[in-house]
PDB file of N, CA and C in Angstrom:
ATOM      1  N   MET A   1     160.154 167.439 126.471  1.00  0.00           N
ATOM      2  CA  MET A   1     160.477 167.339 124.989  1.00  0.00           C
ATOM      3  C   MET A   1     160.567 168.361 124.263  1.00  0.00           C
ATOM      4  N   ALA A   2     161.614 168.383 123.425  1.00  0.00           N
ATOM      5  CA  ALA A   2     162.259 169.364 122.794  1.00  0.00           C
ATOM      6  C   ALA A   2     161.714 169.525 121.024  1.00  0.00           C
ATOM      7  N   LEU A   3     161.392 170.454 120.640  1.00  0.00           N
ATOM      8  CA  LEU A   3     161.177 170.476 119.010  1.00  0.00           C
ATOM      9  C   LEU A   3     162.743 170.140 118.502  1.00  0.00           C
ATOM     10  N   ARG A   4     162.573 169.473 117.130  1.00  0.00           N
ATOM     11  CA  ARG A   4     163.954 169.060 116.749  1.00  0.00           C
ATOM     12  C   ARG A   4     164.222 169.675 115.321  1.00  0.00           C
ATOM     13  N   SER A   5     163.242 169.461 114.628  1.00  0.00           N
ATOM     14  CA  SER A   5     163.179 169.851 112.941  1.00  0.00           C
ATOM     15  C   SER A   5     162.129 169.556 112.248  1.00  0.00           C
ATOM     16  N   ILE A   6     162.228 170.568 111.370  1.00  0.00           N
ATOM     17  CA  ILE A   6     160.641 170.708 110.453  1.00  0.00           C
ATOM     18  C   ILE A   6     160.810 169.251 109.439  1.00  0.00           C
ATOM     19  N   SER A   7     159.866 168.717 109.674  1.00  0.00           N
ATOM     20  CA  SER A   7     159.838 167.100 108.945  1.00  0.00           C
ATOM     21  C   SER A   7     158.824 167.021 107.712  1.00  0.00           C
ATOM     22  N   ILE A   8     157.898 167.614 107.819  1.00  0.00           N
ATOM     23  CA  ILE A   8     157.311 168.099 106.507  1.00  0.00           C
ATOM     24  C   ILE A   8     156.326 169.225 106.101  1.00  0.00           C
ATOM     25  N   VAL A   9     156.540 169.768 105.037  1.00  0.00           N
ATOM     26  CA  VAL A   9     156.335 171.086 104.683  1.00  0.00           C
ATOM     27  C   VAL A   9     154.479 170.760 103.937  1.00  0.00           C
ATOM     28  N   SER A  10     153.539 171.515 103.897  1.00  0.00           N
ATOM     29  CA  SER A  10     152.707 171.160 102.685  1.00  0.00           C
ATOM     30  C   SER A  10     152.678 172.426 101.892  1.00  0.00           C
ATOM     31  N   ILE A  11     152.402 171.805 100.273  1.00  0.00           N
ATOM     32  CA  ILE A  11     152.324 172.656  99.475  1.00  0.00           C
ATOM     33  C   ILE A  11     151.340 172.708  98.936  1.00  0.00           C
ATOM     34  N   PRO A  12     150.350 173.837  98.546  1.00  0.00           N
ATOM     35  CA  PRO A  12     149.192 173.378  97.778  1.00  0.00           C
ATOM     36  C   PRO A  12     149.352 173.791  96.532  1.00  0.00           C
ATOM     37  N   VAL A  13     148.471 172.592  96.198  1.00  0.00           N
ATOM     38  CA  VAL A  13     148.212 172.529  94.726  1.00  0.00           C
ATOM     39  C   VAL A  13     147.131 172.222  94.296  1.00  0.00           C
ATOM     40  N   SER A  14     146.899 172.418  93.097  1.00  0.00           N
ATOM     41  CA  SER A  14     145.633 171.631  92.144  1.00  0.00           C
ATOM     42  C   SER A  14     145.513 171.200  91.655  1.00  0.00           C
ATOM     43  N   ASP A  15     146.340 170.099  91.632  1.00  0.00           N
ATOM     44  CA  ASP A  15     146.216 168.753  90.793  1.00  0.00           C
ATOM     45  C   ASP A  15     147.608 167.990  91.246  1.00  0.00           C
ATOM     46  N   GLN A  16     147.143 166.919  92.313  1.00  0.00           N
ATOM     47  CA  GLN A  16     148.406 166.310  92.656  1.00  0.00           C
ATOM     48  C   GLN A  16     149.214 165.685  91.219  1.00  0.00           C
ATOM     49  N   ASP A  17     148.679 165.148  90.610  1.00  0.00           N
ATOM     50  CA  ASP A  17     149.253 164.260  89.617  1.00  0.00           C
ATOM     51  C   ASP A  17     150.510 165.237  88.913  1.00  0.00           C
ATOM     52  N   ARG A  18     149.698 166.179  88.235  1.00  0.00           N
ATOM     53  CA  ARG A  18     150.750 167.324  87.890  1.00  0.00           C
ATOM     54  C   ARG A  18     151.934 167.883  88.816  1.00  0.00           C
ATOM     55  N   ALA A  19     151.528 167.985  89.624  1.00  0.00           N
ATOM     56  CA  ALA A  19     152.508 169.022  90.862  1.00  0.00           C
ATOM     57  C   ALA A  19     153.643 167.456  91.135  1.00  0.00           C
ATOM     58  N   ALA A  20     153.125 166.217  91.174  1.00  0.00           N
ATOM     59  CA  ALA A  20     154.158 165.331  91.924  1.00  0.00           C
ATOM     60  C   ALA A  20     154.882 164.806  90.381  1.00  0.00           C
ATOM     61  N   GLU A  21     154.798 164.751  89.259  1.00  0.00           N
ATOM     62  CA  GLU A  21     155.391 164.660  87.930  1.00  0.00           C
ATOM     63  C   GLU A  21     156.456 165.857  88.114  1.00  0.00           C
ATOM     64  N   PHE A  22     155.728 167.334  88.467  1.00  0.00           N
ATOM     65  CA  PHE A  22     157.052 168.240  88.591  1.00  0.00           C
ATOM     66  C   PHE A  22     157.817 167.955  89.411  1.00  0.00           C
ATOM     67  N   TYR A  23     157.751 167.844  90.916  1.00  0.00           N
ATOM     68  CA  TYR A  23     158.601 167.394  91.615  1.00  0.00           C
ATOM     69  C   TYR A  23     159.582 166.559  91.536  1.00  0.00           C
ATOM     70  N   GLU A  24     159.083 165.114  90.920  1.00  0.00           N
ATOM     71  CA  GLU A  24     159.853 164.055  90.566  1.00  0.00           C
ATOM     72  C   GLU A  24     160.603 164.497  89.584  1.00  0.00           C
ATOM     73  N   HIS A  25     160.216 164.606  88.500  1.00  0.00           N
ATOM     74  CA  HIS A  25     160.816 164.796  87.345  1.00  0.00           C
ATOM     75  C   HIS A  25     161.551 165.587  86.802  1.00  0.00           C
ATOM     76  N   LYS A  26     161.145 166.856  87.456  1.00  0.00           N
ATOM     77  CA  LYS A  26     161.706 168.212  86.612  1.00  0.00           C
ATOM     78  C   LYS A  26     162.694 168.518  87.914  1.00  0.00           C
ATOM     79  N   LEU A  27     162.490 168.362  89.508  1.00  0.00           N
ATOM     80  CA  LEU A  27     163.553 168.600  90.023  1.00  0.00           C
ATOM     81  C   LEU A  27     164.157 167.564  91.089  1.00  0.00           C
ATOM     82  N   GLY A  28     163.744 166.124  90.617  1.00  0.00           N
ATOM     83  CA  GLY A  28     164.904 165.403  91.018  1.00  0.00           C
ATOM     84  C   GLY A  28     164.050 164.914  92.532  1.00  0.00           C
ATOM     85  N   PHE A  29     162.686 165.280  92.866  1.00  0.00           N
ATOM     86  CA  PHE A  29     162.626 164.563  94.331  1.00  0.00           C
ATOM     87  C   PHE A  29     162.451 163.232  94.003  1.00  0.00           C
ATOM     88  N   THR A  30     162.386 162.476  95.137  1.00  0.00           N
ATOM     89  CA  THR A  30     161.418 160.894  95.083  1.00  0.00           C
ATOM     90  C   THR A  30     160.221 161.032  95.743  1.00  0.00           C
ATOM     91  N   LEU A  31     159.495 160.453  95.260  1.00  0.00           N
ATOM     92  CA  LEU A  31     157.998 159.613  96.080  1.00  0.00           C
ATOM     93  C   LEU A  31     158.201 159.151  96.724  1.00  0.00           C
ATOM     94  N   VAL A  32     157.915 159.562  98.382  1.00  0.00           N
ATOM     95  CA  VAL A  32     158.045 158.763  99.365  1.00  0.00           C
ATOM     96  C   VAL A  32     156.265 157.956  99.739  1.00  0.00           C
ATOM     97  N   ALA A  33     155.619 158.635  99.638  1.00  0.00           N
ATOM     98  CA  ALA A  33     154.222 157.981  99.714  1.00  0.00           C
ATOM     99  C   ALA A  33     152.874 158.474  98.527  1.00  0.00           C
ATOM    100  N   ASP A  34     152.146 157.697  98.351  1.00  0.00           N
ATOM    101  CA  ASP A  34     151.382 158.145  97.513  1.00  0.00           C
ATOM    102  C   ASP A  34     149.896 157.345  98.156  1.00  0.00           C
ATOM    103  N   ASN A  35     149.296 157.651  98.638  1.00  0.00           N
ATOM    104  CA  ASN A  35     148.466 156.784  99.675  1.00  0.00           C
ATOM    105  C   ASN A  35     146.839 157.219  99.692  1.00  0.00           C
ATOM    106  N   PRO A  36     145.929 156.700  99.384  1.00  0.00           N
ATOM    107  CA  PRO A  36     144.593 157.211 100.006  1.00  0.00           C
ATOM    108  C   PRO A  36     144.291 157.684 101.502  1.00  0.00           C
ATOM    109  N   MET A  37     143.634 158.732 101.695  1.00  0.00           N
ATOM    110  CA  MET A  37     143.619 159.357 102.775  1.00  0.00           C
ATOM    111  C   MET A  37     142.246 159.847 103.356  1.00  0.00           C
ATOM    112  N   GLY A  38     141.219 158.905 103.504  1.00  0.00           N
ATOM    113  CA  GLY A  38     139.921 159.280 103.218  1.00  0.00           C
ATOM    114  C   GLY A  38     139.328 159.712 101.921  1.00  0.00           C
ATOM    115  N   ASP A  39     138.636 160.693 101.723  1.00  0.00           N
ATOM    116  CA  ASP A  39     138.395 161.426 100.405  1.00  0.00           C
ATOM    117  C   ASP A  39     139.513 161.645  99.220  1.00  0.00           C
ATOM    118  N   GLN A  40     140.449 161.895  99.887  1.00  0.00           N
ATOM    119  CA  GLN A  40     141.657 162.726  99.563  1.00  0.00           C
ATOM    120  C   GLN A  40     142.816 161.626  99.517  1.00  0.00           C
ATOM    121  N   ARG A  41     143.954 162.388  98.760  1.00  0.00           N
ATOM    122  CA  ARG A  41     145.459 161.439  98.734  1.00  0.00           C
ATOM    123  C   ARG A  41     146.576 162.051  99.402  1.00  0.00           C
ATOM    124  N   TRP A  42     147.253 161.262 100.215  1.00  0.00           N
ATOM    125  CA  TRP A  42     148.387 161.715 100.551  1.00  0.00           C
ATOM    126  C   TRP A  42     150.020 161.491  99.805  1.00  0.00           C
ATOM    127  N   VAL A  43     150.362 162.353  99.294  1.00  0.00           N
ATOM    128  CA  VAL A  43     151.547 162.718  98.570  1.00  0.00           C
ATOM    129  C   VAL A  43     152.547 163.240  99.120  1.00  0.00           C
ATOM    130  N   GLN A  44     153.283 162.198  98.881  1.00  0.00           N
ATOM    131  CA  GLN A  44     154.585 163.082  99.834  1.00  0.00           C
ATOM    132  C   GLN A  44     156.178 162.547  99.178  1.00  0.00           C
ATOM    133  N   LEU A  45     157.017 163.713  98.982  1.00  0.00           N
ATOM    134  CA  LEU A  45     158.027 163.725  98.266  1.00  0.00           C
ATOM    135  C   LEU A  45     159.020 164.385  98.824  1.00  0.00           C
ATOM    136  N   ALA A  46     160.217 163.727  99.101  1.00  0.00           N
ATOM    137  CA  ALA A  46     161.888 164.074  99.203  1.00  0.00           C
ATOM    138  C   ALA A  46     162.772 164.622  98.342  1.00  0.00           C
ATOM    139  N   PRO A  47     163.342 165.632  98.887  1.00  0.00           N
ATOM    140  CA  PRO A  47     164.196 166.596  97.857  1.00  0.00           C
ATOM    141  C   PRO A  47     165.539 165.569  97.708  1.00  0.00           C
ATOM    142  N   PRO A  48     166.461 165.487  96.895  1.00  0.00           N
ATOM    143  CA  PRO A  48     167.119 164.750  96.736  1.00  0.00           C
ATOM    144  C   PRO A  48     167.986 165.006  97.833  1.00  0.00           C
ATOM    145  N   GLY A  49     168.632 165.406  98.665  1.00  0.00           N
ATOM    146  CA  GLY A  49     169.633 165.978  99.360  1.00  0.00           C
ATOM    147  C   GLY A  49     169.223 165.467 100.621  1.00  0.00           C
ATOM    148  N   GLY A  50     167.751 164.948 101.062  1.00  0.00           N
ATOM    149  CA  GLY A  50     167.363 164.789 102.249  1.00  0.00           C
ATOM    150  C   GLY A  50     166.819 165.938 103.135  1.00  0.00           C
ATOM    151  N   GLY A  51     166.226 166.040 104.155  1.00  0.00           N
ATOM    152  CA  GLY A  51     165.920 167.083 104.856  1.00  0.00           C
ATOM    153  C   GLY A  51     164.416 166.985 104.903  1.00  0.00           C
ATOM    154  N   ALA A  52     163.655 167.786 105.348  1.00  0.00           N
ATOM    155  CA  ALA A  52     162.292 167.825 105.250  1.00  0.00           C
ATOM    156  C   ALA A  52     161.859 167.662 103.939  1.00  0.00           C
ATOM    157  N   THR A  53     160.222 166.728 103.890  1.00  0.00           N
ATOM    158  CA  THR A  53     159.965 166.469 102.502  1.00  0.00           C
ATOM    159  C   THR A  53     158.670 167.103 102.429  1.00  0.00           C
ATOM    160  N   ILE A  54     158.116 167.227 101.172  1.00  0.00           N
ATOM    161  CA  ILE A  54     156.710 168.207 100.924  1.00  0.00           C
ATOM    162  C   ILE A  54     155.564 167.171 101.109  1.00  0.00           C
ATOM    163  N   THR A  55     154.611 167.716 101.080  1.00  0.00           N
ATOM    164  CA  THR A  55     153.440 167.066 100.872  1.00  0.00           C
ATOM    165  C   THR A  55     152.658 167.588  99.784  1.00  0.00           C
ATOM    166  N   LEU A  56     151.624 167.276  98.847  1.00  0.00           N
ATOM    167  CA  LEU A  56     151.160 167.919  98.176  1.00  0.00           C
ATOM    168  C   LEU A  56     149.432 168.139  98.467  1.00  0.00           C
ATOM    169  N   VAL A  57     149.128 168.991  98.810  1.00  0.00           N
ATOM    170  CA  VAL A  57     147.849 169.084  99.406  1.00  0.00           C
ATOM    171  C   VAL A  57     146.595 170.221  98.714  1.00  0.00           C
ATOM    172  N   THR A  58     145.530 169.324  98.813  1.00  0.00           N
ATOM    173  CA  THR A  58     144.431 169.931  97.941  1.00  0.00           C
ATOM    174  C   THR A  58     143.397 170.438  99.163  1.00  0.00           C
ATOM    175  N   TRP A  59     143.350 170.122 100.072  1.00  0.00           N
ATOM    176  CA  TRP A  59     142.207 169.933 101.357  1.00  0.00           C
ATOM    177  C   TRP A  59     142.341 171.376 102.326  1.00  0.00           C
ATOM    178  N   PHE A  60     143.702 172.075 102.037  1.00  0.00           N
ATOM    179  CA  PHE A  60     143.009 173.128 103.134  1.00  0.00           C
ATOM    180  C   PHE A  60     142.577 174.478 102.534  1.00  0.00           C
ATOM    181  N   PRO A  61     141.333 174.879 102.573  1.00  0.00           N
ATOM    182  CA  PRO A  61     140.713 176.269 102.242  1.00  0.00           C
ATOM    183  C   PRO A  61     141.643 177.429 102.242  1.00  0.00           C
ATOM    184  N   ALA A  62     142.391 177.620 103.662  1.00  0.00           N
ATOM    185  CA  ALA A  62     143.005 178.742 103.903  1.00  0.00           C
ATOM    186  C   ALA A  62     144.337 178.326 102.854  1.00  0.00           C
ATOM    187  N   MET A  63     144.717 177.546 102.264  1.00  0.00           N
ATOM    188  CA  MET A  63     146.035 177.641 101.676  1.00  0.00           C
ATOM    189  C   MET A  63     145.828 177.345  99.957  1.00  0.00           C
ATOM    190  N   PRO A  64     145.321 178.472  99.246  1.00  0.00           N
ATOM    191  CA  PRO A  64     145.034 178.188  97.453  1.00  0.00           C
ATOM    192  C   PRO A  64     146.149 177.629  96.897  1.00  0.00           C
ATOM    193  N   PRO A  65     146.116 177.089  96.124  1.00  0.00           N
ATOM    194  CA  PRO A  65     147.047 176.590  95.139  1.00  0.00           C
ATOM    195  C   PRO A  65     147.581 177.776  94.997  1.00  0.00           C
ATOM    196  N   GLY A  66     149.231 177.532  95.008  1.00  0.00           N
ATOM    197  CA  GLY A  66     149.915 178.775  94.812  1.00  0.00           C
ATOM    198  C   GLY A  66     150.242 179.937  95.901  1.00  0.00           C
ATOM    199  N   GLY A  67     149.885 179.473  96.770  1.00  0.00           N
ATOM    200  CA  GLY A  67     150.053 180.477  97.966  1.00  0.00           C
ATOM    201  C   GLY A  67     151.243 180.587  98.445  1.00  0.00           C
ATOM    202  N   VAL A  68     151.842 179.529  98.295  1.00  0.00           N
ATOM    203  CA  VAL A  68     153.367 179.267  98.846  1.00  0.00           C
ATOM    204  C   VAL A  68     154.276 180.437  98.260  1.00  0.00           C
ATOM    205  N   ARG A  69     155.400 180.980  99.066  1.00  0.00           N
ATOM    206  CA  ARG A  69     156.315 181.761  98.762  1.00  0.00           C
ATOM    207  C   ARG A  69     157.644 181.573  99.438  1.00  0.00           C
ATOM    208  N   GLY A  70     158.712 181.972  99.022  1.00  0.00           N
ATOM    209  CA  GLY A  70     160.024 181.953  99.610  1.00  0.00           C
ATOM    210  C   GLY A  70     160.295 180.481 100.626  1.00  0.00           C
ATOM    211  N   LEU A  71     160.596 179.498 100.121  1.00  0.00           N
ATOM    212  CA  LEU A  71     160.729 178.242 100.539  1.00  0.00           C
ATOM    213  C   LEU A  71     162.212 177.758  99.657  1.00  0.00           C
ATOM    214  N   VAL A  72     162.884 177.987 100.739  1.00  0.00           N
ATOM    215  CA  VAL A  72     164.207 177.925 100.100  1.00  0.00           C
ATOM    216  C   VAL A  72     164.869 176.458 100.468  1.00  0.00           C
ATOM    217  N   ILE A  73     165.421 175.955  98.918  1.00  0.00           N
ATOM    218  CA  ILE A  73     166.077 174.892  99.046  1.00  0.00           C
ATOM    219  C   ILE A  73     167.534 174.878  98.566  1.00  0.00           C
ATOM    220  N   GLU A  74     168.194 174.412  99.161  1.00  0.00           N
ATOM    221  CA  GLU A  74     169.510 174.504  98.942  1.00  0.00           C
ATOM    222  C   GLU A  74     170.467 173.416  97.910  1.00  0.00           C
ATOM    223  N   CYS A  75     171.324 173.991  97.218  1.00  0.00           N
ATOM    224  CA  CYS A  75     171.589 173.067  96.041  1.00  0.00           C
ATOM    225  C   CYS A  75     173.152 173.508  95.918  1.00  0.00           C
ATOM    226  N   ASP A  76     173.967 172.826  95.121  1.00  0.00           N
ATOM    227  CA  ASP A  76     175.359 172.656  94.676  1.00  0.00           C
ATOM    228  C   ASP A  76     175.111 173.173  93.360  1.00  0.00           C
ATOM    229  N   GLU A  77     176.375 174.152  93.069  1.00  0.00           N
ATOM    230  CA  GLU A  77     176.501 174.230  91.564  1.00  0.00           C
ATOM    231  C   GLU A  77     174.812 174.899  91.214  1.00  0.00           C
ATOM    232  N   VAL A  78     175.024 176.580  91.755  1.00  0.00           N
ATOM    233  CA  VAL A  78     173.450 176.893  91.352  1.00  0.00           C
ATOM    234  C   VAL A  78     173.220 177.120  89.882  1.00  0.00           C
ATOM    235  N   ALA A  79     174.404 177.626  89.300  1.00  0.00           N
ATOM    236  CA  ALA A  79     174.313 178.377  88.269  1.00  0.00           C
ATOM    237  C   ALA A  79     173.766 176.960  87.274  1.00  0.00           C
ATOM    238  N   GLU A  80     174.313 175.858  87.312  1.00  0.00           N
ATOM    239  CA  GLU A  80     174.308 174.351  86.441  1.00  0.00           C
ATOM    240  C   GLU A  80     172.841 174.102  87.111  1.00  0.00           C
ATOM    241  N   THR A  81     172.407 174.263  88.380  1.00  0.00           N
ATOM    242  CA  THR A  81     171.041 174.318  88.785  1.00  0.00           C
ATOM    243  C   THR A  81     169.814 174.811  87.517  1.00  0.00           C
ATOM    244  N   LEU A  82     169.988 176.214  87.357  1.00  0.00           N
ATOM    245  CA  LEU A  82     169.364 177.108  86.796  1.00  0.00           C
ATOM    246  C   LEU A  82     169.328 176.851  85.534  1.00  0.00           C
ATOM    247  N   GLU A  83     170.252 176.182  84.773  1.00  0.00           N
ATOM    248  CA  GLU A  83     170.165 176.069  83.311  1.00  0.00           C
ATOM    249  C   GLU A  83     169.670 174.872  83.205  1.00  0.00           C
ATOM    250  N   ARG A  84     169.821 173.568  84.004  1.00  0.00           N
ATOM    251  CA  ARG A  84     169.092 172.598  83.999  1.00  0.00           C
ATOM    252  C   ARG A  84     167.420 172.793  84.096  1.00  0.00           C
ATOM    253  N   PHE A  85     167.229 173.489  85.199  1.00  0.00           N
ATOM    254  CA  PHE A  85     165.755 174.177  85.327  1.00  0.00           C
ATOM    255  C   PHE A  85     165.152 174.643  84.096  1.00  0.00           C
ATOM    256  N   ARG A  86     166.025 175.638  83.703  1.00  0.00           N
ATOM    257  CA  ARG A  86     165.662 176.003  82.069  1.00  0.00           C
ATOM    258  C   ARG A  86     165.184 175.371  81.105  1.00  0.00           C
ATOM    259  N   ALA A  87     166.308 174.392  80.724  1.00  0.00           N
ATOM    260  CA  ALA A  87     165.984 173.574  79.857  1.00  0.00           C
ATOM    261  C   ALA A  87     164.700 172.180  80.081  1.00  0.00           C
ATOM    262  N   GLN A  88     164.458 172.187  81.273  1.00  0.00           N
ATOM    263  CA  GLN A  88     163.475 171.377  81.912  1.00  0.00           C
ATOM    264  C   GLN A  88     161.989 171.832  81.666  1.00  0.00           C
ATOM    265  N   GLY A  89     161.970 173.312  81.507  1.00  0.00           N
ATOM    266  CA  GLY A  89     160.931 174.013  81.080  1.00  0.00           C
ATOM    267  C   GLY A  89     160.222 174.782  82.519  1.00  0.00           C
ATOM    268  N   VAL A  90     161.154 174.275  83.569  1.00  0.00           N
ATOM    269  CA  VAL A  90     160.733 175.233  85.035  1.00  0.00           C
ATOM    270  C   VAL A  90     160.824 176.418  84.634  1.00  0.00           C
ATOM    271  N   THR A  91     159.955 177.140  85.339  1.00  0.00           N
ATOM    272  CA  THR A  91     159.984 178.607  85.130  1.00  0.00           C
ATOM    273  C   THR A  91     160.567 179.594  86.339  1.00  0.00           C
ATOM    274  N   VAL A  92     161.520 179.919  85.847  1.00  0.00           N
ATOM    275  CA  VAL A  92     162.832 180.966  86.170  1.00  0.00           C
ATOM    276  C   VAL A  92     162.420 182.447  86.399  1.00  0.00           C
ATOM    277  N   HIS A  93     162.537 182.948  87.226  1.00  0.00           N
ATOM    278  CA  HIS A  93     162.330 184.475  87.073  1.00  0.00           C
ATOM    279  C   HIS A  93     163.648 185.256  86.886  1.00  0.00           C
ATOM    280  N   GLN A  94     164.979 184.937  86.821  1.00  0.00           N
ATOM    281  CA  GLN A  94     166.135 185.691  86.529  1.00  0.00           C
ATOM    282  C   GLN A  94     166.653 185.173  85.246  1.00  0.00           C
ATOM    283  N   ASP A  95     167.452 186.221  84.823  1.00  0.00           N
ATOM    284  CA  ASP A  95     168.205 185.730  83.453  1.00  0.00           C
ATOM    285  C   ASP A  95     169.592 184.773  84.177  1.00  0.00           C
ATOM    286  N   GLY A  96     169.838 185.136  85.151  1.00  0.00           N
ATOM    287  CA  GLY A  96     171.163 184.303  86.126  1.00  0.00           C
ATOM    288  C   GLY A  96     170.921 184.378  87.290  1.00  0.00           C
ATOM    289  N   VAL A  97     172.318 183.963  88.219  1.00  0.00           N
ATOM    290  CA  VAL A  97     172.167 183.762  89.397  1.00  0.00           C
ATOM    291  C   VAL A  97     172.412 185.019  89.705  1.00  0.00           C
ATOM    292  N   GLU A  98     171.820 185.443  90.979  1.00  0.00           N
ATOM    293  CA  GLU A  98     172.020 186.486  91.942  1.00  0.00           C
ATOM    294  C   GLU A  98     172.734 186.316  93.171  1.00  0.00           C
ATOM    295  N   LYS A  99     173.517 187.104  93.179  1.00  0.00           N
ATOM    296  CA  LYS A  99     174.604 187.126  94.728  1.00  0.00           C
ATOM    297  C   LYS A  99     174.045 188.022  95.564  1.00  0.00           C
ATOM    298  N   ALA A 100     174.100 187.792  96.831  1.00  0.00           N
ATOM    299  CA  ALA A 100     173.644 187.967  98.386  1.00  0.00           C
ATOM    300  C   ALA A 100     174.787 187.597  99.381  1.00  0.00           C
ATOM    301  N   PRO A 101     174.999 188.607 100.086  1.00  0.00           N
ATOM    302  CA  PRO A 101     175.924 188.178 101.320  1.00  0.00           C
ATOM    303  C   PRO A 101     175.723 186.860 101.656  1.00  0.00           C
ATOM    304  N   TRP A 102     174.579 185.916 101.748  1.00  0.00           N
ATOM    305  CA  TRP A 102     174.795 184.530 102.498  1.00  0.00           C
ATOM    306  C   TRP A 102     174.699 183.545 101.395  1.00  0.00           C
ATOM    307  N   GLY A 103     174.573 184.196 100.125  1.00  0.00           N
ATOM    308  CA  GLY A 103     175.129 183.350  98.903  1.00  0.00           C
ATOM    309  C   GLY A 103     174.409 183.452  97.611  1.00  0.00           C
ATOM    310  N   THR A 104     174.535 182.631  96.594  1.00  0.00           N
ATOM    311  CA  THR A 104     173.978 183.109  95.504  1.00  0.00           C
ATOM    312  C   THR A 104     172.537 182.205  95.241  1.00  0.00           C
ATOM    313  N   PHE A 105     171.560 182.848  94.346  1.00  0.00           N
ATOM    314  CA  PHE A 105     170.449 182.225  94.074  1.00  0.00           C
ATOM    315  C   PHE A 105     169.894 182.000  93.135  1.00  0.00           C
ATOM    316  N   PHE A 106     168.752 181.566  92.832  1.00  0.00           N
ATOM    317  CA  PHE A 106     167.531 182.331  91.759  1.00  0.00           C
ATOM    318  C   PHE A 106     166.274 181.473  92.208  1.00  0.00           C
ATOM    319  N   THR A 107     165.230 182.464  91.676  1.00  0.00           N
ATOM    320  CA  THR A 107     163.756 181.657  92.096  1.00  0.00           C
ATOM    321  C   THR A 107     163.088 181.279  90.886  1.00  0.00           C
ATOM    322  N   PHE A 108     162.250 180.181  91.253  1.00  0.00           N
ATOM    323  CA  PHE A 108     161.508 179.772  90.303  1.00  0.00           C
ATOM    324  C   PHE A 108     160.363 179.218  91.009  1.00  0.00           C
ATOM    325  N   GLU A 109     158.936 178.620  89.977  1.00  0.00           N
ATOM    326  CA  GLU A 109     157.867 178.237  90.390  1.00  0.00           C
ATOM    327  C   GLU A 109     157.410 176.744  90.148  1.00  0.00           C
ATOM    328  N   ASP A 110     156.517 176.298  91.098  1.00  0.00           N
ATOM    329  CA  ASP A 110     156.261 175.048  90.478  1.00  0.00           C
ATOM    330  C   ASP A 110     154.944 174.919  89.723  1.00  0.00           C
ATOM    331  N   PRO A 111     154.132 174.464  89.038  1.00  0.00           N
ATOM    332  CA  PRO A 111     153.471 174.859  88.110  1.00  0.00           C
ATOM    333  C   PRO A 111     151.921 175.207  88.156  1.00  0.00           C
ATOM    334  N   ASP A 112     151.696 175.259  89.914  1.00  0.00           N
ATOM    335  CA  ASP A 112     150.790 176.307  90.486  1.00  0.00           C
ATOM    336  C   ASP A 112     151.121 177.504  91.040  1.00  0.00           C
ATOM    337  N   GLY A 113     152.326 177.602  90.717  1.00  0.00           N
ATOM    338  CA  GLY A 113     152.854 179.319  91.170  1.00  0.00           C
ATOM    339  C   GLY A 113     153.354 179.448  92.338  1.00  0.00           C
ATOM    340  N   ASN A 114     153.537 178.245  93.076  1.00  0.00           N
ATOM    341  CA  ASN A 114     154.155 178.451  94.678  1.00  0.00           C
ATOM    342  C   ASN A 114     155.859 178.372  94.228  1.00  0.00           C
ATOM    343  N   GLY A 115     156.370 179.572  95.214  1.00  0.00           N
ATOM    344  CA  GLY A 115     157.576 180.078  95.016  1.00  0.00           C
ATOM    345  C   GLY A 115     158.590 179.362  95.553  1.00  0.00           C
ATOM    346  N   TRP A 116     159.761 179.285  95.114  1.00  0.00           N
ATOM    347  CA  TRP A 116     160.933 178.626  95.623  1.00  0.00           C
ATOM    348  C   TRP A 116     162.159 179.407  95.500  1.00  0.00           C
ATOM    349  N   VAL A 117     162.978 179.211  96.253  1.00  0.00           N
ATOM    350  CA  VAL A 117     164.479 180.168  95.957  1.00  0.00           C
ATOM    351  C   VAL A 117     165.418 178.790  96.042  1.00  0.00           C
ATOM    352  N   ALA A 118     166.158 178.490  94.823  1.00  0.00           N
ATOM    353  CA  ALA A 118     167.363 177.657  94.922  1.00  0.00           C
ATOM    354  C   ALA A 118     168.510 178.555  95.341  1.00  0.00           C
ATOM    355  N   GLN A 119     169.291 178.033  96.138  1.00  0.00           N
ATOM    356  CA  GLN A 119     170.440 178.810  96.657  1.00  0.00           C
ATOM    357  C   GLN A 119     171.661 178.072  97.108  1.00  0.00           C
ATOM    358  N   GLU A 120     172.669 178.493  96.855  1.00  0.00           N
ATOM    359  CA  GLU A 120     173.816 177.831  97.141  1.00  0.00           C
ATOM    360  C   GLU A 120     174.748 178.826  98.325  1.00  0.00           C
ATOM    361  N   SER A 121     174.450 178.289  99.631  1.00  0.00           N
ATOM    362  CA  SER A 121     175.097 179.355 100.639  1.00  0.00           C
ATOM    363  C   SER A 121     176.548 179.661 100.555  1.00  0.00           C
ATOM    364  N   ALA A 122     176.835 180.930 101.357  1.00  0.00           N
ATOM    365  CA  ALA A 122     178.002 181.324 101.187  1.00  0.00           C
ATOM    366  C   ALA A 122     178.914 180.542 102.690  1.00  0.00           C
ATOM    367  N   PHE A 123     178.082 180.183 103.013  1.00  0.00           N
ATOM    368  CA  PHE A 123     178.749 179.797 104.521  1.00  0.00           C
ATOM    369  C   PHE A 123     177.920 178.432 104.913  1.00  0.00           C
ATOM    370  N   PRO A 124     178.406 177.035 105.513  1.00  0.00           N
ATOM    371  CA  PRO A 124     177.966 175.926 106.093  1.00  0.00           C
ATOM    372  C   PRO A 124     176.471 176.312 106.865  1.00  0.00           C
ATOM    373  N   ALA A 125     175.544 175.006 106.479  1.00  0.00           N
ATOM    374  CA  ALA A 125     174.685 175.079 107.035  1.00  0.00           C
ATOM    375  C   ALA A 125     174.476 175.155 108.652  1.00  0.00           C
TER     376      ALA A 125
END
C-alpha cells in the first residue's frame, strides 16, 4: 500500500459559518459537506480547480484559529486574482504581485488570519 496524495487539509477557524462564507463566496470554493459530527460539524470545501479539499475545524486545541501559514493554492492570471480578491475585501498583503524563480504570487488571509499564498507557477506541476 503506497501513499498517493493529500486529500483533506484542516483549517482552524473560530466560526465555521463565517469561514465557509468566506471560502465559498469570496474565494469560489464549493461546499462539499456540512454535516453534524457528534457535538461538532464537518464543513468541507473544494477549491475551484480540484485537488485537496479543506475542512474548517474548531475542535483541535493544538490548532488555534489563524494558526496555519503558507498554504499554497495555484491560480491562473495571478494579477487578476489579486485584484478580484481586493475588490471582494480579502486581506491581501502586497500592493502587487511578487516574482520569484518558481512563479508569481501574492499572500492573503482568511477571516481568522490563516495565511495563504496564491501563485501562478513558472513551470508545470
